[in-house]
Protein backbone atom coordinates (compact mmCIF):
# COMPACT_ATOMS: atom_id res chain seq x y z
CA MET A 1 -13.22 23.61 -15.52
CA MET A 2 -14.84 20.94 -17.65
CA TYR A 3 -12.78 17.86 -18.65
CA ASP A 4 -13.46 14.65 -20.45
CA GLU A 5 -11.63 13.07 -17.51
CA LEU A 6 -9.53 14.43 -14.64
CA TYR A 7 -7.26 12.18 -12.54
CA TYR A 8 -6.04 12.72 -9.02
CA PHE A 9 -3.20 10.46 -7.81
CA ASP A 10 -1.69 10.39 -4.32
CA GLY A 11 0.38 8.03 -2.25
CA CYS A 12 3.94 7.33 -1.12
CA SER A 13 6.74 5.73 -3.15
CA TYR A 14 4.51 2.70 -3.83
CA MET A 15 2.72 4.96 -6.25
CA ALA A 16 5.31 7.69 -6.97
CA GLY A 17 8.25 5.35 -7.53
CA HIS A 18 11.31 4.89 -5.35
CA CYS A 19 14.06 5.71 -7.89
CA HIS A 20 14.46 7.58 -11.20
CA LEU A 21 13.53 4.53 -13.35
CA SER A 22 10.52 3.55 -11.28
CA ARG A 23 9.29 7.15 -11.32
CA LYS A 24 9.25 7.01 -15.11
CA THR A 25 7.50 3.63 -15.12
CA MET A 26 5.10 4.02 -12.15
CA TRP A 27 1.96 1.96 -12.29
CA VAL A 28 -0.30 4.96 -12.86
CA ASN A 29 1.01 5.01 -16.44
CA THR A 30 -1.39 2.18 -17.17
CA ILE A 31 -4.30 4.43 -16.19
CA ASN A 32 -3.11 7.76 -17.55
CA PRO A 33 -0.24 7.14 -19.97
CA TYR A 34 2.51 9.41 -21.18
CA VAL A 35 1.83 10.98 -24.56
CA GLY A 36 4.72 13.43 -24.99
CA LYS A 37 4.80 17.16 -25.53
CA ASP A 38 1.19 17.53 -26.67
CA GLY A 39 -0.20 15.92 -23.56
CA ASN A 40 -1.57 17.34 -20.30
CA ILE A 41 0.95 18.48 -17.75
CA ASP A 42 0.77 17.87 -13.97
CA LYS A 43 -1.47 20.48 -12.35
CA ASN A 44 0.37 19.96 -9.11
CA GLU A 45 3.84 20.51 -10.58
CA PRO A 46 3.37 22.25 -13.97
CA PHE A 47 7.11 23.04 -14.22
CA ASN A 48 7.65 19.36 -15.18
CA GLY A 49 6.10 20.24 -18.54
CA CYS A 50 6.46 17.62 -21.22
CA LEU A 51 8.57 15.44 -18.91
CA ASP A 52 5.30 14.29 -17.39
CA ALA A 53 2.73 15.05 -20.12
CA ARG A 54 -0.15 12.59 -20.09
CA LYS A 55 -3.28 11.71 -22.02
CA TYR A 56 -5.74 13.23 -19.52
CA PRO A 57 -5.49 16.24 -17.16
CA PHE A 58 -4.20 15.14 -13.78
CA TYR A 59 -2.80 15.96 -10.35
CA ASN A 60 0.09 13.77 -9.24
CA MET A 61 0.52 14.43 -5.50
CA ALA A 62 2.42 11.20 -4.71
CA THR A 63 5.89 11.53 -3.19
CA VAL A 64 8.43 9.25 -1.53
CA ALA A 65 7.79 8.46 2.15
CA LYS A 66 4.55 10.39 2.23
CA SER A 67 2.42 9.87 5.34
CA ASN A 68 -1.31 9.39 5.41
CA GLU A 69 -1.86 12.69 7.19
CA GLU A 70 -0.06 14.45 4.30
CA ILE A 71 -2.08 12.46 1.77
CA TYR A 72 -5.30 13.48 3.49
CA ARG A 73 -4.32 17.12 3.82
CA ASP A 74 -3.37 17.44 0.17
CA PHE A 75 -6.71 15.90 -0.88
CA ILE A 76 -8.63 18.35 1.30
CA ASP A 77 -6.56 21.26 -0.03
CA THR A 78 -7.17 20.24 -3.67
CA LEU A 79 -10.80 19.27 -3.24
CA PRO A 80 -12.22 22.68 -4.22
CA ASN A 81 -10.52 22.37 -7.64
CA LEU A 82 -11.80 18.78 -8.03
CA ILE A 83 -15.36 19.88 -7.15
CA LYS A 84 -15.21 22.49 -9.93
CA ALA A 85 -14.25 19.86 -12.47
CA ASN A 86 -16.27 16.98 -13.91
CA ASN A 87 -15.64 13.28 -14.40
CA VAL A 88 -12.98 13.22 -11.64
CA LYS A 89 -11.26 9.95 -10.67
CA VAL A 90 -9.41 9.86 -7.38
CA PHE A 91 -6.74 7.20 -6.83
CA ILE A 92 -5.13 7.03 -3.38
CA HIS A 93 -2.61 4.42 -2.24
CA TRP A 94 -2.64 4.84 1.56
CA SER A 95 0.81 4.49 3.08
CA HIS A 96 2.07 2.74 6.22
CA SER A 97 -0.24 3.98 8.96
CA GLU A 98 2.40 4.48 11.60
CA ARG A 99 4.19 7.10 9.50
CA LYS A 100 3.91 10.72 10.52
CA GLU A 101 4.76 13.83 8.53
CA LYS A 102 7.84 14.49 10.75
CA GLU A 103 8.57 10.86 11.64
CA LYS A 104 8.83 8.68 8.56
CA ASN A 105 10.57 5.67 10.11
CA GLN A 106 8.78 2.86 11.86
CA ALA A 107 9.97 3.14 15.44
CA PHE A 108 9.16 -0.41 16.49
CA ILE A 109 11.49 -1.96 13.91
CA THR A 110 14.60 -0.04 14.89
CA ARG A 111 17.34 -2.01 16.61
CA ASP A 112 17.61 0.46 19.45
CA CYS A 113 13.97 -0.04 20.50
CA GLU A 114 14.12 0.12 24.28
CA ASN A 115 10.45 0.11 25.24
CA PHE A 116 8.46 -2.00 22.78
CA ASP A 117 5.17 -1.64 24.69
CA GLU A 118 5.31 2.11 24.09
CA VAL A 119 6.58 2.23 20.51
CA ILE A 120 4.13 -0.39 19.18
CA LYS A 121 1.36 2.00 20.23
CA GLU A 122 2.49 4.20 17.31
CA TRP A 123 1.07 1.57 14.93
CA TRP A 124 -2.28 1.51 16.73
CA LYS A 125 -2.31 5.32 16.87
CA GLY A 126 -1.44 5.39 13.18
CA LEU A 127 -4.41 3.22 12.32
CA ALA A 128 -6.60 5.46 14.43
CA ARG A 129 -5.41 8.40 12.34
CA THR A 130 -5.73 6.63 9.02
CA VAL A 131 -9.26 5.24 9.28
CA PRO A 132 -10.92 8.67 9.73
CA PHE A 133 -8.87 9.97 6.81
CA MET A 134 -10.04 7.12 4.62
CA LEU A 135 -13.65 7.55 5.68
CA ASP A 136 -13.70 11.29 5.10
CA VAL A 137 -12.13 10.99 1.63
CA GLN A 138 -14.72 8.28 0.87
CA GLU A 139 -17.63 10.43 2.00
CA LYS A 140 -16.43 13.61 0.30
CA CYS A 141 -15.98 11.74 -2.96
CA LYS A 142 -19.47 10.38 -2.64
CA GLU A 143 -20.90 13.78 -1.77
CA HIS A 144 -19.32 15.53 -4.77
CA GLY A 145 -19.65 12.71 -7.30
CA LEU A 146 -15.95 11.90 -7.54
CA GLU A 147 -15.03 8.31 -8.44
CA TYR A 148 -12.81 6.92 -5.71
CA VAL A 149 -10.31 4.05 -5.85
CA ALA A 150 -8.23 3.19 -2.81
CA ILE A 151 -5.41 0.79 -1.99
CA THR A 152 -4.01 0.16 1.50
CA THR A 153 -0.47 -0.88 2.20
CA GLU A 154 -1.62 -2.82 5.22
CA HIS A 155 -3.66 -6.02 5.02
CA PRO A 156 -7.31 -5.44 6.04
CA GLU A 157 -6.81 -7.75 9.04
CA ILE A 158 -4.32 -5.26 10.46
CA PHE A 159 -7.09 -2.70 10.56
CA GLU A 160 -9.25 -5.29 12.29
CA LEU A 161 -6.48 -5.93 14.85
CA GLY A 162 -6.56 -2.19 15.57
CA ARG A 163 -10.03 -2.57 17.09
CA LYS A 164 -8.44 -4.16 20.13
CA HIS A 165 -6.19 -1.18 20.70
CA ASN A 166 -8.41 1.80 19.85
CA ASP A 167 -11.68 3.28 21.03
CA ALA A 168 -15.28 2.80 19.89
CA LYS A 169 -15.01 5.64 17.37
CA TYR A 170 -12.28 3.74 15.55
CA SER A 171 -14.51 0.68 15.22
CA ASN A 172 -17.49 2.78 14.17
CA ASP A 173 -15.48 4.55 11.48
CA LEU A 174 -13.98 1.25 10.30
CA ASP A 175 -17.46 -0.24 9.95
CA LYS A 176 -18.41 2.61 7.65
CA ILE A 177 -15.52 2.02 5.21
CA ASN A 178 -16.83 0.77 1.92
CA SER A 179 -14.62 -2.12 0.91
CA ARG A 180 -15.95 -1.83 -2.66
CA ASP A 181 -13.78 1.23 -2.98
CA ILE A 182 -10.60 -0.55 -1.88
CA PHE A 183 -8.72 -2.80 -4.30
CA ASN A 184 -7.23 -5.10 -1.68
CA TRP A 185 -10.22 -5.40 0.70
CA PRO A 186 -11.35 -7.93 1.69
CA LEU A 187 -8.68 -10.62 1.74
CA ARG A 188 -8.60 -13.97 3.52
CA LYS A 189 -7.91 -13.71 7.23
CA LEU A 190 -4.26 -13.96 8.25
CA GLN A 191 -3.02 -17.45 9.24
CA ASN A 192 -0.04 -18.47 11.34
CA PHE A 193 0.80 -14.93 12.21
CA PRO A 194 1.14 -13.85 15.87
CA LYS A 195 -2.31 -13.25 17.38
CA GLU A 196 -0.94 -10.29 19.33
CA LEU A 197 2.17 -8.22 18.75
CA ASN A 198 3.88 -8.85 22.10
CA ASP A 199 7.45 -8.00 21.12
CA ARG A 200 9.59 -6.59 18.33
CA ALA A 201 9.88 -9.94 16.58
CA ASP A 202 6.08 -10.29 16.32
CA ALA A 203 5.77 -6.78 14.97
CA LEU A 204 8.58 -7.14 12.50
CA LEU A 205 7.21 -10.42 11.12
CA THR A 206 3.66 -9.04 10.80
CA TRP A 207 4.70 -5.68 9.35
CA GLY A 208 7.10 -7.20 6.90
CA CYS A 209 5.09 -10.14 5.56
CA THR A 210 1.73 -8.34 5.15
CA SER A 211 2.93 -5.21 3.30
CA LEU A 212 1.01 -5.22 0.01
CA PRO A 213 3.79 -4.60 -2.51
CA ILE A 214 5.95 -7.45 -1.17
CA SER A 215 3.15 -9.99 -0.76
CA TRP A 216 1.80 -9.02 -4.21
CA CYS A 217 5.13 -9.73 -5.90
CA LYS A 218 5.54 -13.02 -3.99
CA GLY A 219 1.94 -14.02 -4.71
CA PHE A 220 2.05 -13.34 -8.47
CA GLY A 221 5.61 -14.56 -8.87
CA LEU A 222 7.10 -11.32 -10.18
CA PRO A 223 10.44 -9.78 -9.16
CA ILE A 224 10.58 -7.32 -6.31
CA ALA A 225 12.54 -4.13 -6.95
CA GLU A 226 16.25 -4.08 -6.16
CA ASP A 227 15.63 -2.46 -2.75
CA MET A 228 13.48 -5.49 -1.79
CA LYS A 229 10.58 -3.21 -0.72
CA HIS A 230 8.80 -2.04 -3.87
CA LEU A 231 7.19 -3.48 -6.98
CA GLY A 232 9.66 -4.44 -9.64
CA ASP A 233 9.44 -3.16 -13.24
CA GLU A 234 7.18 -5.84 -14.65
CA ALA A 235 5.17 -5.94 -11.43
CA ARG A 236 4.35 -2.23 -11.70
CA LEU A 237 2.83 -2.72 -15.14
CA ARG A 238 0.74 -5.72 -14.09
CA PHE A 239 -0.35 -4.10 -10.83
CA GLY A 240 -1.40 -0.98 -12.72
CA GLN A 241 -3.49 -3.07 -15.12
CA GLN A 242 -5.27 -4.71 -12.19
CA ILE A 243 -6.04 -1.25 -10.66
CA HIS A 244 -7.27 -0.01 -14.06
CA ASP A 245 -9.58 -3.03 -14.45
CA PHE A 246 -10.79 -2.61 -10.87
CA TYR A 247 -11.84 0.96 -11.38
CA LYS A 248 -13.70 -0.12 -14.52
CA ASP A 249 -15.28 -3.10 -12.79
CA ARG A 250 -15.41 -3.19 -8.96
CA ASN A 251 -15.84 -6.99 -9.04
CA LYS A 252 -12.19 -7.26 -10.19
CA ASP A 253 -10.58 -6.59 -6.84
CA LEU A 254 -7.43 -8.31 -5.65
CA SER A 255 -9.34 -11.40 -4.55
CA TYR A 256 -10.64 -11.73 -8.11
CA TRP A 257 -7.13 -11.66 -9.54
CA ILE A 258 -5.88 -14.14 -6.98
CA ASP A 259 -8.60 -16.59 -7.94
CA GLU A 260 -9.00 -15.85 -11.68
CA ASP A 261 -5.56 -14.91 -12.96
CA VAL A 262 -4.52 -16.99 -15.93
CA LYS A 263 -1.08 -17.58 -14.46
CA PRO A 264 -0.56 -19.66 -11.29
CA VAL A 265 -0.87 -17.57 -8.16
CA ASN A 266 0.84 -18.41 -4.81
CA LYS A 267 -2.14 -17.03 -2.97
CA GLU A 268 -0.86 -18.12 0.44
CA PHE A 269 1.65 -15.28 0.44
CA PHE A 270 -1.23 -12.86 0.85
CA TYR A 271 -2.35 -14.30 4.16
CA ASP A 272 -0.31 -17.26 5.43
CA LEU A 273 3.07 -16.83 7.16
CA GLN A 274 3.73 -20.48 6.60
CA ALA A 275 4.18 -19.78 2.89
CA TRP A 276 7.21 -17.67 3.73
CA VAL A 277 8.53 -20.43 6.02
CA ASP A 278 8.16 -23.10 3.38
CA GLU A 279 9.97 -20.98 0.79
CA LEU A 280 13.04 -20.55 2.97
CA LYS A 281 12.95 -24.22 4.06
CA GLY A 282 13.03 -25.06 0.35
CA GLY A 283 16.28 -23.24 -0.03
CA ALA A 284 15.19 -19.84 -1.28
CA LEU A 285 17.73 -17.10 -0.72
CA MET A 286 16.79 -13.83 0.83
CA ARG A 287 18.82 -10.99 -0.67
CA THR A 288 19.23 -8.23 1.85
CA THR A 289 19.91 -4.59 1.09
CA HIS A 290 18.99 -3.08 4.44
CA TRP A 291 19.36 -4.00 8.07
CA VAL A 292 15.61 -4.55 8.33
CA GLU A 293 15.88 -7.51 5.97
CA GLU A 294 18.91 -8.78 7.85
CA ASP A 295 17.03 -8.71 11.12
CA LEU A 296 13.99 -10.42 9.64
CA ARG A 297 15.98 -13.16 8.07
CA PHE A 298 17.68 -13.72 11.41
CA LEU A 299 14.32 -13.95 13.14
CA LEU A 300 12.89 -16.36 10.67
CA ILE A 301 15.81 -18.70 10.42
CA ASN A 302 17.15 -18.66 13.93
CA MET A 303 14.06 -18.11 15.97
CA THR A 304 11.34 -19.92 13.95
CA ILE A 305 12.58 -22.23 11.22
CA MET A 306 15.40 -23.81 13.10
CA PRO A 307 13.51 -24.34 16.41
CA ASN A 308 10.08 -25.31 15.13
CA ALA A 309 9.67 -24.40 11.42
CA GLU A 310 6.48 -22.43 11.88
CA TYR A 311 7.18 -18.80 11.00
CA ILE A 312 8.95 -16.70 8.37
CA TYR A 313 9.44 -13.27 6.86
CA GLU A 314 10.67 -11.54 3.79
CA ASP A 315 11.07 -7.79 3.10
């Protein structure tokens, strides 16, 4: 089938939206906007009809809590249809690596974690699953002339940390990843974070403070969603515009927007744990809607700020 443009979107709730309102105002609207009943309906879920009619033909595969293995599998399953089309643009927001199709929760952050040394391996194993997925999607897009734009939930330095805990194949595959395809690669190296994740507190701080949606909102000074985990309404629009401009001009990656944005950017939130410490020391309140936030606030205030004022978390 020949199209002027065909879009393929996939990811977890960071792309799909986490509630009814966010699903109607997800950031992909900036790239392929709603146009009403005369638009193109979702080729993945055509029964949505005019409820999701957009300017260009598209597949929207993104769903809440989707794992990277599901994202990869859906891409491979849909690839024959993409190959038959022309002018295809693939947008994938890779999810938290430790997620599995049947195990969506992050085991190492649960309060009943009894053997941290074992459960933290799930993050390293998750990275070892994700990197080959990313590489294969990259190479298949290149082979078949599909334009590819990727976003990772994890900071690129987390993938680098994975080298210490995985085999040579992991490192070889990671070296082949083209950072020009990834909106938030590279970024400045992490500072004041634990060098190794030796216990649950280290993992919780690192996982929470380096997740892209939260650090993006903190960095660009826009409200986080009510659940304290996702992009807020205004943030989704601005994030979508950045992704749109990145796919038009690969020089406009996240680092470009951090350095060139017309509004002040608190860039330290993207890489420096001390920025989170300083905010709480300045009296900022951390609203909590979930026990994860409660635990993290406890860690930051009682274990780091009060004793030595060197670490902090929010999400």
